[in-house]
Amino acid sequence: MSESKQPHEGEIIFYTTPQGVTRIEVFFQDDTFWLSQKRMGEMFVVDVRTISEHLQNIFKS
């Protein structure tokens, strides 16, 4: 990746598939990236319930 294409602090770069555009809204606050469960599902191409299940498992441990 050329130096001009390097992401800046607080920035995430997503690539699109040949089928369409992916739009992800990300918030950067206090050195942490925040996405809604809906946006996480879109990013990983899974249902929101799958994201919820994984988050529940994380917080159980």
N, C-alpha and C. Protein backbone atom coordinates (compact mmCIF):
# COMPACT_ATOMS: atom_id res chain seq x y z
N MET A 1 0.85 -1.17 0.00
CA MET A 1 0.00 0.00 0.00
C MET A 1 0.89 1.23 0.00
N SER A 2 0.60 2.17 -0.85
CA SER A 2 1.44 3.36 -0.91
C SER A 2 1.21 4.22 0.33
N GLU A 3 2.17 5.09 0.60
CA GLU A 3 2.10 5.92 1.79
C GLU A 3 0.86 6.81 1.78
N SER A 4 0.44 7.30 0.62
CA SER A 4 -0.74 8.17 0.55
C SER A 4 -2.03 7.41 0.83
N LYS A 5 -2.01 6.08 0.74
CA LYS A 5 -3.20 5.28 0.98
C LYS A 5 -3.24 4.71 2.40
N GLN A 6 -2.24 5.00 3.21
CA GLN A 6 -2.21 4.49 4.58
C GLN A 6 -3.36 5.13 5.37
N PRO A 7 -4.07 4.34 6.18
CA PRO A 7 -5.15 4.93 6.98
C PRO A 7 -4.59 5.86 8.05
N HIS A 8 -5.34 6.90 8.36
CA HIS A 8 -4.97 7.83 9.42
C HIS A 8 -5.53 7.32 10.74
N GLU A 9 -5.00 7.81 11.84
CA GLU A 9 -5.50 7.41 13.14
C GLU A 9 -7.00 7.70 13.23
N GLY A 10 -7.76 6.73 13.71
CA GLY A 10 -9.20 6.90 13.84
C GLY A 10 -9.97 6.59 12.58
N GLU A 11 -9.34 6.01 11.59
CA GLU A 11 -9.97 5.76 10.31
C GLU A 11 -9.93 4.26 10.00
N ILE A 12 -11.02 3.75 9.46
CA ILE A 12 -11.07 2.35 9.03
C ILE A 12 -11.36 2.35 7.54
N ILE A 13 -10.69 1.51 6.80
CA ILE A 13 -10.92 1.40 5.36
C ILE A 13 -11.60 0.07 5.08
N PHE A 14 -12.72 0.11 4.38
CA PHE A 14 -13.43 -1.09 3.96
C PHE A 14 -13.40 -1.18 2.45
N TYR A 15 -13.31 -2.38 1.95
CA TYR A 15 -13.35 -2.59 0.51
C TYR A 15 -14.70 -3.16 0.14
N THR A 16 -15.15 -2.86 -1.06
CA THR A 16 -16.45 -3.34 -1.51
C THR A 16 -16.28 -4.57 -2.38
N THR A 17 -17.34 -5.33 -2.44
CA THR A 17 -17.36 -6.50 -3.30
C THR A 17 -17.81 -6.08 -4.69
N PRO A 18 -17.63 -6.93 -5.68
CA PRO A 18 -18.11 -6.59 -7.03
C PRO A 18 -19.63 -6.43 -7.09
N GLN A 19 -20.35 -6.97 -6.10
CA GLN A 19 -21.81 -6.91 -6.12
C GLN A 19 -22.38 -5.59 -5.59
N GLY A 20 -21.60 -4.81 -4.88
CA GLY A 20 -22.16 -3.56 -4.36
C GLY A 20 -21.26 -2.86 -3.38
N VAL A 21 -21.83 -1.84 -2.79
CA VAL A 21 -21.08 -0.99 -1.89
C VAL A 21 -21.37 -1.38 -0.44
N THR A 22 -20.36 -1.38 0.40
CA THR A 22 -20.52 -1.61 1.82
C THR A 22 -20.33 -0.29 2.54
N ARG A 23 -21.26 0.07 3.37
CA ARG A 23 -21.15 1.32 4.13
C ARG A 23 -21.20 0.98 5.60
N ILE A 24 -20.18 1.32 6.32
CA ILE A 24 -20.09 1.04 7.74
C ILE A 24 -19.87 2.35 8.49
N GLU A 25 -20.69 2.60 9.51
CA GLU A 25 -20.51 3.79 10.34
C GLU A 25 -19.75 3.39 11.60
N VAL A 26 -18.62 4.01 11.82
CA VAL A 26 -17.76 3.69 12.96
C VAL A 26 -17.50 4.96 13.75
N PHE A 27 -17.59 4.86 15.06
CA PHE A 27 -17.30 5.99 15.92
C PHE A 27 -16.00 5.72 16.67
N PHE A 28 -15.13 6.71 16.73
CA PHE A 28 -13.86 6.58 17.43
C PHE A 28 -13.89 7.51 18.63
N GLN A 29 -13.81 6.93 19.83
CA GLN A 29 -13.85 7.72 21.05
C GLN A 29 -12.97 7.08 22.11
N ASP A 30 -12.13 7.87 22.73
CA ASP A 30 -11.26 7.39 23.82
C ASP A 30 -10.47 6.15 23.41
N ASP A 31 -9.84 6.20 22.25
CA ASP A 31 -8.99 5.11 21.74
C ASP A 31 -9.75 3.82 21.47
N THR A 32 -11.06 3.90 21.24
CA THR A 32 -11.88 2.72 20.99
C THR A 32 -12.79 2.97 19.79
N PHE A 33 -12.92 1.96 18.93
CA PHE A 33 -13.87 2.03 17.82
C PHE A 33 -15.19 1.43 18.27
N TRP A 34 -16.29 2.10 17.96
CA TRP A 34 -17.62 1.64 18.35
C TRP A 34 -18.47 1.41 17.11
N LEU A 35 -19.10 0.24 17.06
CA LEU A 35 -20.07 -0.07 16.01
C LEU A 35 -21.32 -0.60 16.67
N SER A 36 -22.47 -0.33 16.08
CA SER A 36 -23.71 -0.92 16.59
C SER A 36 -23.71 -2.40 16.21
N GLN A 37 -24.55 -3.18 16.88
CA GLN A 37 -24.65 -4.60 16.54
C GLN A 37 -25.13 -4.77 15.11
N LYS A 38 -26.01 -3.89 14.67
CA LYS A 38 -26.48 -3.96 13.28
C LYS A 38 -25.32 -3.77 12.31
N ARG A 39 -24.46 -2.77 12.58
CA ARG A 39 -23.32 -2.51 11.69
C ARG A 39 -22.30 -3.64 11.75
N MET A 40 -22.11 -4.25 12.93
CA MET A 40 -21.21 -5.40 13.03
C MET A 40 -21.74 -6.55 12.18
N GLY A 41 -23.05 -6.76 12.22
CA GLY A 41 -23.66 -7.81 11.40
C GLY A 41 -23.44 -7.55 9.92
N GLU A 42 -23.60 -6.30 9.51
CA GLU A 42 -23.36 -5.94 8.11
C GLU A 42 -21.90 -6.16 7.73
N MET A 43 -21.00 -5.80 8.64
CA MET A 43 -19.58 -5.93 8.35
C MET A 43 -19.18 -7.39 8.18
N PHE A 44 -19.71 -8.27 9.03
CA PHE A 44 -19.34 -9.69 8.97
C PHE A 44 -20.34 -10.53 8.18
N VAL A 45 -21.35 -9.89 7.59
CA VAL A 45 -22.38 -10.53 6.78
C VAL A 45 -23.04 -11.67 7.57
N VAL A 46 -23.50 -11.32 8.77
CA VAL A 46 -24.25 -12.25 9.61
C VAL A 46 -25.44 -11.52 10.21
N ASP A 47 -26.37 -12.28 10.75
CA ASP A 47 -27.55 -11.72 11.39
C ASP A 47 -27.17 -11.06 12.72
N VAL A 48 -27.92 -10.05 13.12
CA VAL A 48 -27.68 -9.36 14.38
C VAL A 48 -27.72 -10.34 15.55
N ARG A 49 -28.57 -11.37 15.45
CA ARG A 49 -28.65 -12.37 16.53
C ARG A 49 -27.32 -13.09 16.73
N THR A 50 -26.59 -13.31 15.65
CA THR A 50 -25.28 -13.96 15.75
C THR A 50 -24.30 -13.05 16.50
N ILE A 51 -24.32 -11.78 16.20
CA ILE A 51 -23.47 -10.82 16.90
C ILE A 51 -23.84 -10.80 18.38
N SER A 52 -25.14 -10.75 18.68
CA SER A 52 -25.59 -10.74 20.07
C SER A 52 -25.13 -11.97 20.82
N GLU A 53 -25.22 -13.12 20.18
CA GLU A 53 -24.79 -14.37 20.81
C GLU A 53 -23.29 -14.32 21.16
N HIS A 54 -22.49 -13.86 20.23
CA HIS A 54 -21.05 -13.79 20.47
C HIS A 54 -20.72 -12.78 21.57
N LEU A 55 -21.40 -11.64 21.57
CA LEU A 55 -21.15 -10.65 22.62
C LEU A 55 -21.55 -11.19 23.99
N GLN A 56 -22.66 -11.91 24.06
CA GLN A 56 -23.07 -12.53 25.33
C GLN A 56 -22.01 -13.50 25.81
N ASN A 57 -21.46 -14.30 24.91
CA ASN A 57 -20.41 -15.24 25.29
C ASN A 57 -19.16 -14.53 25.78
N ILE A 58 -18.83 -13.42 25.17
CA ILE A 58 -17.65 -12.65 25.60
C ILE A 58 -17.86 -12.12 27.01
N PHE A 59 -19.04 -11.57 27.28
CA PHE A 59 -19.28 -10.97 28.59
C PHE A 59 -19.51 -12.01 29.69
N LYS A 60 -19.83 -13.26 29.32
CA LYS A 60 -19.96 -14.33 30.31
C LYS A 60 -18.61 -14.72 30.88
N SER A 61 -17.57 -14.63 30.05
CA SER A 61 -16.24 -15.08 30.49
C SER A 61 -15.54 -14.07 31.36
